[in-house]
Amino acid sequence: MSYTIDVLILFADQDNHPTETERGWLEDFKKFLEGMLAQVLGETPNILLKSDNDAVSGANLKDVAVLVPVLSPAFMSSGECLDTLEEFLVSENAVESRVFKVL
């Protein structure tokens, strides 16, 4: 199956604290992951960040090849994050081998 989103990084907003001079650590993680995967794959992957305040519908989740949830206390207390994770796991194309947890 062809996916339009190679990696979706799912996190709670309070886990990504940008400052006036620096990006949040999840933005740095995304940039690092893009660079590493580009070297391995020979092309730049489509990686998206999704916080608990962003809307991703079930139809969009079917277009995600790999989900990377950042399992923090804030994530675990966010109903929106947990709902998105559950929706991905119960989608018809999802298998647990496509979920890579970050603690």
PDB file of N, CA and C in Angstrom:
ATOM      1  N   MET A   1       0.840  -1.182   0.000  1.00  0.00           N
ATOM      2  CA  MET A   1       0.000   0.000   0.000  1.00  0.00           C
ATOM      3  C   MET A   1       0.880   1.239   0.000  1.00  0.00           C
ATOM      4  N   SER A   2       0.442   2.237  -0.703  1.00  0.00           N
ATOM      5  CA  SER A   2       1.183   3.495  -0.784  1.00  0.00           C
ATOM      6  C   SER A   2       0.630   4.483   0.249  1.00  0.00           C
ATOM      7  N   TYR A   3       1.527   5.056   1.026  1.00  0.00           N
ATOM      8  CA  TYR A   3       1.134   6.004   2.061  1.00  0.00           C
ATOM      9  C   TYR A   3       1.599   7.402   1.674  1.00  0.00           C
ATOM     10  N   THR A   4       0.788   8.418   1.969  1.00  0.00           N
ATOM     11  CA  THR A   4       1.185   9.792   1.679  1.00  0.00           C
ATOM     12  C   THR A   4       1.977  10.408   2.825  1.00  0.00           C
ATOM     13  N   ILE A   5       1.809   9.877   4.034  1.00  0.00           N
ATOM     14  CA  ILE A   5       2.564  10.338   5.202  1.00  0.00           C
ATOM     15  C   ILE A   5       3.448   9.187   5.651  1.00  0.00           C
ATOM     16  N   ASP A   6       4.754   9.371   5.569  1.00  0.00           N
ATOM     17  CA  ASP A   6       5.669   8.295   5.947  1.00  0.00           C
ATOM     18  C   ASP A   6       5.706   8.096   7.458  1.00  0.00           C
ATOM     19  N   VAL A   7       5.824   9.199   8.212  1.00  0.00           N
ATOM     20  CA  VAL A   7       5.902   9.129   9.672  1.00  0.00           C
ATOM     21  C   VAL A   7       5.050  10.241  10.268  1.00  0.00           C
ATOM     22  N   LEU A   8       4.220   9.897  11.228  1.00  0.00           N
ATOM     23  CA  LEU A   8       3.442  10.883  11.984  1.00  0.00           C
ATOM     24  C   LEU A   8       3.913  10.812  13.428  1.00  0.00           C
ATOM     25  N   ILE A   9       4.452  11.925  13.928  1.00  0.00           N
ATOM     26  CA  ILE A   9       4.905  12.004  15.317  1.00  0.00           C
ATOM     27  C   ILE A   9       3.775  12.633  16.117  1.00  0.00           C
ATOM     28  N   LEU A  10       3.228  11.870  17.044  1.00  0.00           N
ATOM     29  CA  LEU A  10       2.073  12.284  17.840  1.00  0.00           C
ATOM     30  C   LEU A  10       2.540  12.640  19.247  1.00  0.00           C
ATOM     31  N   PHE A  11       2.195  13.843  19.712  1.00  0.00           N
ATOM     32  CA  PHE A  11       2.676  14.303  21.016  1.00  0.00           C
ATOM     33  C   PHE A  11       1.690  15.277  21.648  1.00  0.00           C
ATOM     34  N   ALA A  12       1.836  15.486  22.951  1.00  0.00           N
ATOM     35  CA  ALA A  12       1.056  16.491  23.680  1.00  0.00           C
ATOM     36  C   ALA A  12       1.767  17.841  23.545  1.00  0.00           C
ATOM     37  N   ASP A  13       0.999  18.894  23.382  1.00  0.00           N
ATOM     38  CA  ASP A  13       1.565  20.232  23.186  1.00  0.00           C
ATOM     39  C   ASP A  13       2.592  20.616  24.239  1.00  0.00           C
ATOM     40  N   GLN A  14       2.322  20.296  25.484  1.00  0.00           N
ATOM     41  CA  GLN A  14       3.228  20.743  26.539  1.00  0.00           C
ATOM     42  C   GLN A  14       4.562  20.008  26.533  1.00  0.00           C
ATOM     43  N   ASP A  15       4.700  18.957  25.713  1.00  0.00           N
ATOM     44  CA  ASP A  15       5.980  18.260  25.602  1.00  0.00           C
ATOM     45  C   ASP A  15       6.950  18.944  24.650  1.00  0.00           C
ATOM     46  N   ASN A  16       6.492  19.897  23.882  1.00  0.00           N
ATOM     47  CA  ASN A  16       7.326  20.566  22.891  1.00  0.00           C
ATOM     48  C   ASN A  16       7.366  22.054  23.229  1.00  0.00           C
ATOM     49  N   HIS A  17       8.320  22.445  24.082  1.00  0.00           N
ATOM     50  CA  HIS A  17       8.375  23.824  24.573  1.00  0.00           C
ATOM     51  C   HIS A  17       9.368  24.675  23.769  1.00  0.00           C
ATOM     52  N   PRO A  18       8.909  25.320  22.690  1.00  0.00           N
ATOM     53  CA  PRO A  18       9.831  26.211  21.984  1.00  0.00           C
ATOM     54  C   PRO A  18      10.057  27.495  22.790  1.00  0.00           C
ATOM     55  N   THR A  19      11.233  28.080  22.616  1.00  0.00           N
ATOM     56  CA  THR A  19      11.529  29.367  23.238  1.00  0.00           C
ATOM     57  C   THR A  19      11.688  30.388  22.123  1.00  0.00           C
ATOM     58  N   GLU A  20      12.002  31.618  22.481  1.00  0.00           N
ATOM     59  CA  GLU A  20      12.180  32.657  21.467  1.00  0.00           C
ATOM     60  C   GLU A  20      13.382  32.373  20.576  1.00  0.00           C
ATOM     61  N   THR A  21      14.389  31.671  21.104  1.00  0.00           N
ATOM     62  CA  THR A  21      15.606  31.427  20.339  1.00  0.00           C
ATOM     63  C   THR A  21      15.753  29.986  19.857  1.00  0.00           C
ATOM     64  N   GLU A  22      14.990  29.053  20.411  1.00  0.00           N
ATOM     65  CA  GLU A  22      15.135  27.647  20.049  1.00  0.00           C
ATOM     66  C   GLU A  22      13.785  27.023  19.719  1.00  0.00           C
ATOM     67  N   ARG A  23      13.839  26.038  18.830  1.00  0.00           N
ATOM     68  CA  ARG A  23      12.641  25.260  18.531  1.00  0.00           C
ATOM     69  C   ARG A  23      12.409  24.280  19.669  1.00  0.00           C
ATOM     70  N   GLY A  24      11.228  23.694  19.703  1.00  0.00           N
ATOM     71  CA  GLY A  24      10.957  22.638  20.673  1.00  0.00           C
ATOM     72  C   GLY A  24      11.739  21.392  20.314  1.00  0.00           C
ATOM     73  N   TRP A  25      11.965  20.502  21.266  1.00  0.00           N
ATOM     74  CA  TRP A  25      12.800  19.329  21.015  1.00  0.00           C
ATOM     75  C   TRP A  25      12.183  18.386  19.990  1.00  0.00           C
ATOM     76  N   LEU A  26      10.857  18.384  19.880  1.00  0.00           N
ATOM     77  CA  LEU A  26      10.227  17.505  18.897  1.00  0.00           C
ATOM     78  C   LEU A  26      10.473  17.983  17.469  1.00  0.00           C
ATOM     79  N   GLU A  27      10.585  19.273  17.287  1.00  0.00           N
ATOM     80  CA  GLU A  27      10.938  19.796  15.967  1.00  0.00           C
ATOM     81  C   GLU A  27      12.370  19.402  15.615  1.00  0.00           C
ATOM     82  N   ASP A  28      13.267  19.427  16.605  1.00  0.00           N
ATOM     83  CA  ASP A  28      14.641  18.966  16.385  1.00  0.00           C
ATOM     84  C   ASP A  28      14.672  17.465  16.100  1.00  0.00           C
ATOM     85  N   PHE A  29      13.862  16.697  16.824  1.00  0.00           N
ATOM     86  CA  PHE A  29      13.778  15.259  16.607  1.00  0.00           C
ATOM     87  C   PHE A  29      13.294  14.959  15.187  1.00  0.00           C
ATOM     88  N   LYS A  30      12.289  15.709  14.735  1.00  0.00           N
ATOM     89  CA  LYS A  30      11.766  15.528  13.376  1.00  0.00           C
ATOM     90  C   LYS A  30      12.858  15.796  12.345  1.00  0.00           C
ATOM     91  N   LYS A  31      13.586  16.875  12.519  1.00  0.00           N
ATOM     92  CA  LYS A  31      14.652  17.229  11.581  1.00  0.00           C
ATOM     93  C   LYS A  31      15.745  16.154  11.569  1.00  0.00           C
ATOM     94  N   PHE A  32      16.129  15.649  12.741  1.00  0.00           N
ATOM     95  CA  PHE A  32      17.123  14.584  12.841  1.00  0.00           C
ATOM     96  C   PHE A  32      16.633  13.318  12.140  1.00  0.00           C
ATOM     97  N   LEU A  33      15.382  12.928  12.410  1.00  0.00           N
ATOM     98  CA  LEU A  33      14.816  11.724  11.813  1.00  0.00           C
ATOM     99  C   LEU A  33      14.735  11.859  10.297  1.00  0.00           C
ATOM    100  N   GLU A  34      14.346  13.030   9.806  1.00  0.00           N
ATOM    101  CA  GLU A  34      14.314  13.271   8.354  1.00  0.00           C
ATOM    102  C   GLU A  34      15.691  13.064   7.735  1.00  0.00           C
ATOM    103  N   GLY A  35      16.712  13.613   8.382  1.00  0.00           N
ATOM    104  CA  GLY A  35      18.068  13.484   7.871  1.00  0.00           C
ATOM    105  C   GLY A  35      18.539  12.040   7.843  1.00  0.00           C
ATOM    106  N   MET A  36      18.284  11.312   8.922  1.00  0.00           N
ATOM    107  CA  MET A  36      18.709   9.911   8.993  1.00  0.00           C
ATOM    108  C   MET A  36      17.975   9.055   7.961  1.00  0.00           C
ATOM    109  N   LEU A  37      16.667   9.236   7.852  1.00  0.00           N
ATOM    110  CA  LEU A  37      15.903   8.446   6.889  1.00  0.00           C
ATOM    111  C   LEU A  37      16.247   8.817   5.453  1.00  0.00           C
ATOM    112  N   ALA A  38      16.538  10.084   5.201  1.00  0.00           N
ATOM    113  CA  ALA A  38      16.931  10.513   3.857  1.00  0.00           C
ATOM    114  C   ALA A  38      18.230   9.833   3.440  1.00  0.00           C
ATOM    115  N   GLN A  39      19.173   9.679   4.367  1.00  0.00           N
ATOM    116  CA  GLN A  39      20.424   8.990   4.060  1.00  0.00           C
ATOM    117  C   GLN A  39      20.180   7.515   3.739  1.00  0.00           C
ATOM    118  N   VAL A  40      19.312   6.885   4.505  1.00  0.00           N
ATOM    119  CA  VAL A  40      19.051   5.454   4.315  1.00  0.00           C
ATOM    120  C   VAL A  40      18.203   5.202   3.067  1.00  0.00           C
ATOM    121  N   LEU A  41      17.166   6.029   2.879  1.00  0.00           N
ATOM    122  CA  LEU A  41      16.218   5.799   1.785  1.00  0.00           C
ATOM    123  C   LEU A  41      16.656   6.419   0.461  1.00  0.00           C
ATOM    124  N   GLY A  42      17.507   7.434   0.526  1.00  0.00           N
ATOM    125  CA  GLY A  42      17.908   8.132  -0.689  1.00  0.00           C
ATOM    126  C   GLY A  42      16.915   9.187  -1.134  1.00  0.00           C
ATOM    127  N   GLU A  43      15.920   9.446  -0.329  1.00  0.00           N
ATOM    128  CA  GLU A  43      14.935  10.493  -0.612  1.00  0.00           C
ATOM    129  C   GLU A  43      14.399  11.025   0.713  1.00  0.00           C
ATOM    130  N   THR A  44      13.889  12.231   0.693  1.00  0.00           N
ATOM    131  CA  THR A  44      13.383  12.857   1.914  1.00  0.00           C
ATOM    132  C   THR A  44      11.991  12.316   2.240  1.00  0.00           C
ATOM    133  N   PRO A  45      11.816  11.758   3.430  1.00  0.00           N
ATOM    134  CA  PRO A  45      10.509  11.226   3.813  1.00  0.00           C
ATOM    135  C   PRO A  45       9.551  12.358   4.203  1.00  0.00           C
ATOM    136  N   ASN A  46       8.275  12.063   4.124  1.00  0.00           N
ATOM    137  CA  ASN A  46       7.249  13.014   4.548  1.00  0.00           C
ATOM    138  C   ASN A  46       6.937  12.732   6.018  1.00  0.00           C
ATOM    139  N   ILE A  47       7.470  13.581   6.913  1.00  0.00           N
ATOM    140  CA  ILE A  47       7.272  13.418   8.354  1.00  0.00           C
ATOM    141  C   ILE A  47       6.457  14.596   8.862  1.00  0.00           C
ATOM    142  N   LEU A  48       5.395  14.297   9.594  1.00  0.00           N
ATOM    143  CA  LEU A  48       4.544  15.347  10.151  1.00  0.00           C
ATOM    144  C   LEU A  48       4.534  15.278  11.667  1.00  0.00           C
ATOM    145  N   LEU A  49       4.420  16.460  12.290  1.00  0.00           N
ATOM    146  CA  LEU A  49       4.231  16.558  13.741  1.00  0.00           C
ATOM    147  C   LEU A  49       2.752  16.798  13.995  1.00  0.00           C
ATOM    148  N   LYS A  50       2.186  16.095  14.955  1.00  0.00           N
ATOM    149  CA  LYS A  50       0.784  16.306  15.314  1.00  0.00           C
ATOM    150  C   LYS A  50       0.662  16.420  16.818  1.00  0.00           C
ATOM    151  N   SER A  51       0.291  17.601  17.269  1.00  0.00           N
ATOM    152  CA  SER A  51       0.068  17.782  18.702  1.00  0.00           C
ATOM    153  C   SER A  51      -1.387  17.453  19.025  1.00  0.00           C
ATOM    154  N   ASP A  52      -1.699  17.448  20.305  1.00  0.00           N
ATOM    155  CA  ASP A  52      -3.067  17.107  20.691  1.00  0.00           C
ATOM    156  C   ASP A  52      -4.079  18.163  20.255  1.00  0.00           C
ATOM    157  N   ASN A  53      -3.630  19.340  19.855  1.00  0.00           N
ATOM    158  CA  ASN A  53      -4.551  20.377  19.389  1.00  0.00           C
ATOM    159  C   ASN A  53      -4.717  20.395  17.878  1.00  0.00           C
ATOM    160  N   ASP A  54      -3.977  19.560  17.145  1.00  0.00           N
ATOM    161  CA  ASP A  54      -4.122  19.471  15.696  1.00  0.00           C
ATOM    162  C   ASP A  54      -5.170  18.427  15.359  1.00  0.00           C
ATOM    163  N   ALA A  55      -5.854  18.643  14.259  1.00  0.00           N
ATOM    164  CA  ALA A  55      -6.893  17.698  13.849  1.00  0.00           C
ATOM    165  C   ALA A  55      -6.368  16.778  12.755  1.00  0.00           C
ATOM    166  N   VAL A  56      -6.425  15.495  13.009  1.00  0.00           N
ATOM    167  CA  VAL A  56      -6.128  14.490  11.998  1.00  0.00           C
ATOM    168  C   VAL A  56      -7.304  13.537  12.012  1.00  0.00           C
ATOM    169  N   SER A  57      -7.956  13.412  10.886  1.00  0.00           N
ATOM    170  CA  SER A  57      -9.147  12.567  10.837  1.00  0.00           C
ATOM    171  C   SER A  57      -8.765  11.111  10.609  1.00  0.00           C
ATOM    172  N   GLY A  58      -9.716  10.248  10.786  1.00  0.00           N
ATOM    173  CA  GLY A  58      -9.495   8.825  10.568  1.00  0.00           C
ATOM    174  C   GLY A  58      -9.066   8.529   9.150  1.00  0.00           C
ATOM    175  N   ALA A  59      -9.605   9.277   8.187  1.00  0.00           N
ATOM    176  CA  ALA A  59      -9.215   9.083   6.792  1.00  0.00           C
ATOM    177  C   ALA A  59      -7.739   9.397   6.611  1.00  0.00           C
ATOM    178  N   ASN A  60      -7.253  10.446   7.261  1.00  0.00           N
ATOM    179  CA  ASN A  60      -5.840  10.806   7.170  1.00  0.00           C
ATOM    180  C   ASN A  60      -4.967   9.753   7.837  1.00  0.00           C
ATOM    181  N   LEU A  61      -5.411   9.156   8.921  1.00  0.00           N
ATOM    182  CA  LEU A  61      -4.622   8.150   9.622  1.00  0.00           C
ATOM    183  C   LEU A  61      -4.394   6.916   8.758  1.00  0.00           C
ATOM    184  N   LYS A  62      -5.283   6.640   7.837  1.00  0.00           N
ATOM    185  CA  LYS A  62      -5.095   5.510   6.931  1.00  0.00           C
ATOM    186  C   LYS A  62      -3.961   5.778   5.942  1.00  0.00           C
ATOM    187  N   ASP A  63      -3.564   7.028   5.813  1.00  0.00           N
ATOM    188  CA  ASP A  63      -2.479   7.414   4.913  1.00  0.00           C
ATOM    189  C   ASP A  63      -1.128   7.451   5.612  1.00  0.00           C
ATOM    190  N   VAL A  64      -1.075   7.047   6.896  1.00  0.00           N
ATOM    191  CA  VAL A  64       0.151   7.093   7.694  1.00  0.00           C
ATOM    192  C   VAL A  64       0.817   5.720   7.678  1.00  0.00           C
ATOM    193  N   ALA A  65       2.092   5.680   7.269  1.00  0.00           N
ATOM    194  CA  ALA A  65       2.829   4.419   7.244  1.00  0.00           C
ATOM    195  C   ALA A  65       3.293   4.027   8.642  1.00  0.00           C
ATOM    196  N   VAL A  66       3.858   4.992   9.402  1.00  0.00           N
ATOM    197  CA  VAL A  66       4.413   4.716  10.728  1.00  0.00           C
ATOM    198  C   VAL A  66       3.949   5.798  11.693  1.00  0.00           C
ATOM    199  N   LEU A  67       3.503   5.386  12.867  1.00  0.00           N
ATOM    200  CA  LEU A  67       3.100   6.320  13.916  1.00  0.00           C
ATOM    201  C   LEU A  67       4.135   6.266  15.034  1.00  0.00           C
ATOM    202  N   VAL A  68       4.584   7.461  15.462  1.00  0.00           N
ATOM    203  CA  VAL A  68       5.552   7.567  16.560  1.00  0.00           C
ATOM    204  C   VAL A  68       4.902   8.377  17.679  1.00  0.00           C
ATOM    205  N   PRO A  69       4.259   7.722  18.650  1.00  0.00           N
ATOM    206  CA  PRO A  69       3.683   8.455  19.775  1.00  0.00           C
ATOM    207  C   PRO A  69       4.750   8.719  20.840  1.00  0.00           C
ATOM    208  N   VAL A  70       4.772   9.944  21.367  1.00  0.00           N
ATOM    209  CA  VAL A  70       5.692  10.315  22.451  1.00  0.00           C
ATOM    210  C   VAL A  70       4.919  10.116  23.754  1.00  0.00           C
ATOM    211  N   LEU A  71       5.176   8.995  24.422  1.00  0.00           N
ATOM    212  CA  LEU A  71       4.395   8.604  25.590  1.00  0.00           C
ATOM    213  C   LEU A  71       4.932   9.269  26.858  1.00  0.00           C
ATOM    214  N   SER A  72       4.428  10.443  27.129  1.00  0.00           N
ATOM    215  CA  SER A  72       4.797  11.213  28.314  1.00  0.00           C
ATOM    216  C   SER A  72       3.586  11.265  29.246  1.00  0.00           C
ATOM    217  N   PRO A  73       3.776  11.758  30.465  1.00  0.00           N
ATOM    218  CA  PRO A  73       2.604  11.933  31.339  1.00  0.00           C
ATOM    219  C   PRO A  73       1.546  12.859  30.714  1.00  0.00           C
ATOM    220  N   ALA A  74       1.987  13.892  30.016  1.00  0.00           N
ATOM    221  CA  ALA A  74       1.031  14.800  29.369  1.00  0.00           C
ATOM    222  C   ALA A  74       0.263  14.081  28.259  1.00  0.00           C
ATOM    223  N   PHE A  75       0.949  13.233  27.511  1.00  0.00           N
ATOM    224  CA  PHE A  75       0.298  12.450  26.449  1.00  0.00           C
ATOM    225  C   PHE A  75      -0.755  11.535  27.061  1.00  0.00           C
ATOM    226  N   MET A  76      -0.380  10.844  28.142  1.00  0.00           N
ATOM    227  CA  MET A  76      -1.280   9.879  28.762  1.00  0.00           C
ATOM    228  C   MET A  76      -2.507  10.536  29.385  1.00  0.00           C
ATOM    229  N   SER A  77      -2.409  11.836  29.703  1.00  0.00           N
ATOM    230  CA  SER A  77      -3.570  12.529  30.262  1.00  0.00           C
ATOM    231  C   SER A  77      -4.349  13.302  29.201  1.00  0.00           C
ATOM    232  N   SER A  78      -3.903  13.242  27.958  1.00  0.00           N
ATOM    233  CA  SER A  78      -4.588  13.930  26.861  1.00  0.00           C
ATOM    234  C   SER A  78      -5.559  12.976  26.174  1.00  0.00           C
ATOM    235  N   GLY A  79      -6.816  13.246  26.317  1.00  0.00           N
ATOM    236  CA  GLY A  79      -7.824  12.417  25.660  1.00  0.00           C
ATOM    237  C   GLY A  79      -7.674  12.420  24.151  1.00  0.00           C
ATOM    238  N   GLU A  80      -7.333  13.553  23.586  1.00  0.00           N
ATOM    239  CA  GLU A  80      -7.173  13.675  22.135  1.00  0.00           C
ATOM    240  C   GLU A  80      -6.027  12.802  21.625  1.00  0.00           C
ATOM    241  N   CYS A  81      -4.893  12.823  22.321  1.00  0.00           N
ATOM    242  CA  CYS A  81      -3.749  11.988  21.918  1.00  0.00           C
ATOM    243  C   CYS A  81      -4.099  10.510  21.997  1.00  0.00           C
ATOM    244  N   LEU A  82      -4.708  10.108  23.093  1.00  0.00           N
ATOM    245  CA  LEU A  82      -5.077   8.703  23.268  1.00  0.00           C
ATOM    246  C   LEU A  82      -6.108   8.268  22.235  1.00  0.00           C
ATOM    247  N   ASP A  83      -7.055   9.152  21.918  1.00  0.00           N
ATOM    248  CA  ASP A  83      -8.060   8.831  20.903  1.00  0.00           C
ATOM    249  C   ASP A  83      -7.413   8.631  19.535  1.00  0.00           C
ATOM    250  N   THR A  84      -6.447   9.498  19.199  1.00  0.00           N
ATOM    251  CA  THR A  84      -5.762   9.383  17.909  1.00  0.00           C
ATOM    252  C   THR A  84      -4.961   8.089  17.841  1.00  0.00           C
ATOM    253  N   LEU A  85      -4.259   7.749  18.916  1.00  0.00           N
ATOM    254  CA  LEU A  85      -3.499   6.502  18.964  1.00  0.00           C
ATOM    255  C   LEU A  85      -4.431   5.294  18.809  1.00  0.00           C
ATOM    256  N   GLU A  86      -5.523   5.294  19.538  1.00  0.00           N
ATOM    257  CA  GLU A  86      -6.476   4.184  19.451  1.00  0.00           C
ATOM    258  C   GLU A  86      -7.075   4.088  18.056  1.00  0.00           C
ATOM    259  N   GLU A  87      -7.409   5.228  17.465  1.00  0.00           N
ATOM    260  CA  GLU A  87      -7.988   5.231  16.123  1.00  0.00           C
ATOM    261  C   GLU A  87      -7.002   4.647  15.107  1.00  0.00           C
ATOM    262  N   PHE A  88      -5.716   4.965  15.257  1.00  0.00           N
ATOM    263  CA  PHE A  88      -4.709   4.403  14.369  1.00  0.00           C
ATOM    264  C   PHE A  88      -4.610   2.889  14.546  1.00  0.00           C
ATOM    265  N   LEU A  89      -4.605   2.437  15.799  1.00  0.00           N
ATOM    266  CA  LEU A  89      -4.449   1.013  16.082  1.00  0.00           C
ATOM    267  C   LEU A  89      -5.632   0.173  15.612  1.00  0.00           C
ATOM    268  N   VAL A  90      -6.829   0.730  15.605  1.00  0.00           N
ATOM    269  CA  VAL A  90      -7.997  -0.041  15.180  1.00  0.00           C
ATOM    270  C   VAL A  90      -8.315   0.148  13.695  1.00  0.00           C
ATOM    271  N   SER A  91      -7.561   1.007  13.013  1.00  0.00           N
ATOM    272  CA  SER A  91      -7.823   1.189  11.586  1.00  0.00           C
ATOM    273  C   SER A  91      -7.544  -0.110  10.854  1.00  0.00           C
ATOM    274  N   GLU A  92      -8.181  -0.297   9.740  1.00  0.00           N
ATOM    275  CA  GLU A  92      -8.107  -1.577   9.024  1.00  0.00           C
ATOM    276  C   GLU A  92      -6.705  -1.923   8.530  1.00  0.00           C
ATOM    277  N   ASN A  93      -5.849  -0.933   8.327  1.00  0.00           N
ATOM    278  CA  ASN A  93      -4.519  -1.203   7.787  1.00  0.00           C
ATOM    279  C   ASN A  93      -3.421  -1.197   8.843  1.00  0.00           C
ATOM    280  N   ALA A  94      -3.755  -0.898  10.065  1.00  0.00           N
ATOM    281  CA  ALA A  94      -2.724  -0.745  11.093  1.00  0.00           C
ATOM    282  C   ALA A  94      -2.344  -2.087  11.703  1.00  0.00           C
ATOM    283  N   VAL A  95      -1.058  -2.219  11.939  1.00  0.00           N
ATOM    284  CA  VAL A  95      -0.540  -3.339  12.704  1.00  0.00           C
ATOM    285  C   VAL A  95       0.439  -2.760  13.713  1.00  0.00           C
ATOM    286  N   GLU A  96       0.624  -3.439  14.820  1.00  0.00           N
ATOM    287  CA  GLU A  96       1.465  -2.889  15.874  1.00  0.00           C
ATOM    288  C   GLU A  96       2.904  -2.670  15.423  1.00  0.00           C
ATOM    289  N   SER A  97       3.357  -3.375  14.405  1.00  0.00           N
ATOM    290  CA  SER A  97       4.727  -3.196  13.929  1.00  0.00           C
ATOM    291  C   SER A  97       4.928  -1.847  13.249  1.00  0.00           C
ATOM    292  N   ARG A  98       3.871  -1.093  13.042  1.00  0.00           N
ATOM    293  CA  ARG A  98       3.971   0.252  12.452  1.00  0.00           C
ATOM    294  C   ARG A  98       3.914   1.342  13.513  1.00  0.00           C
ATOM    295  N   VAL A  99       4.021   0.980  14.792  1.00  0.00           N
ATOM    296  CA  VAL A  99       4.004   1.944  15.879  1.00  0.00           C
ATOM    297  C   VAL A  99       5.342   1.847  16.619  1.00  0.00           C
ATOM    298  N   PHE A 100       6.060   2.973  16.698  1.00  0.00           N
ATOM    299  CA  PHE A 100       7.333   3.038  17.406  1.00  0.00           C
ATOM    300  C   PHE A 100       7.199   4.043  18.533  1.00  0.00           C
ATOM    301  N   LYS A 101       7.143   3.555  19.774  1.00  0.00           N
ATOM    302  CA  LYS A 101       6.915   4.415  20.937  1.00  0.00           C
ATOM    303  C   LYS A 101       8.195   5.121  21.352  1.00  0.00           C
ATOM    304  N   VAL A 102       8.041   6.384  21.738  1.00  0.00           N
ATOM    305  CA  VAL A 102       9.142   7.181  22.313  1.00  0.00           C
ATOM    306  C   VAL A 102       8.747   7.498  23.736  1.00  0.00           C
ATOM    307  N   LEU A 103       9.637   7.187  24.674  1.00  0.00           N
ATOM    308  CA  LEU A 103       9.362   7.472  26.089  1.00  0.00           C
ATOM    309  C   LEU A 103      10.188   8.664  26.541  1.00  0.00           C
TER     310      LEU A 103
END
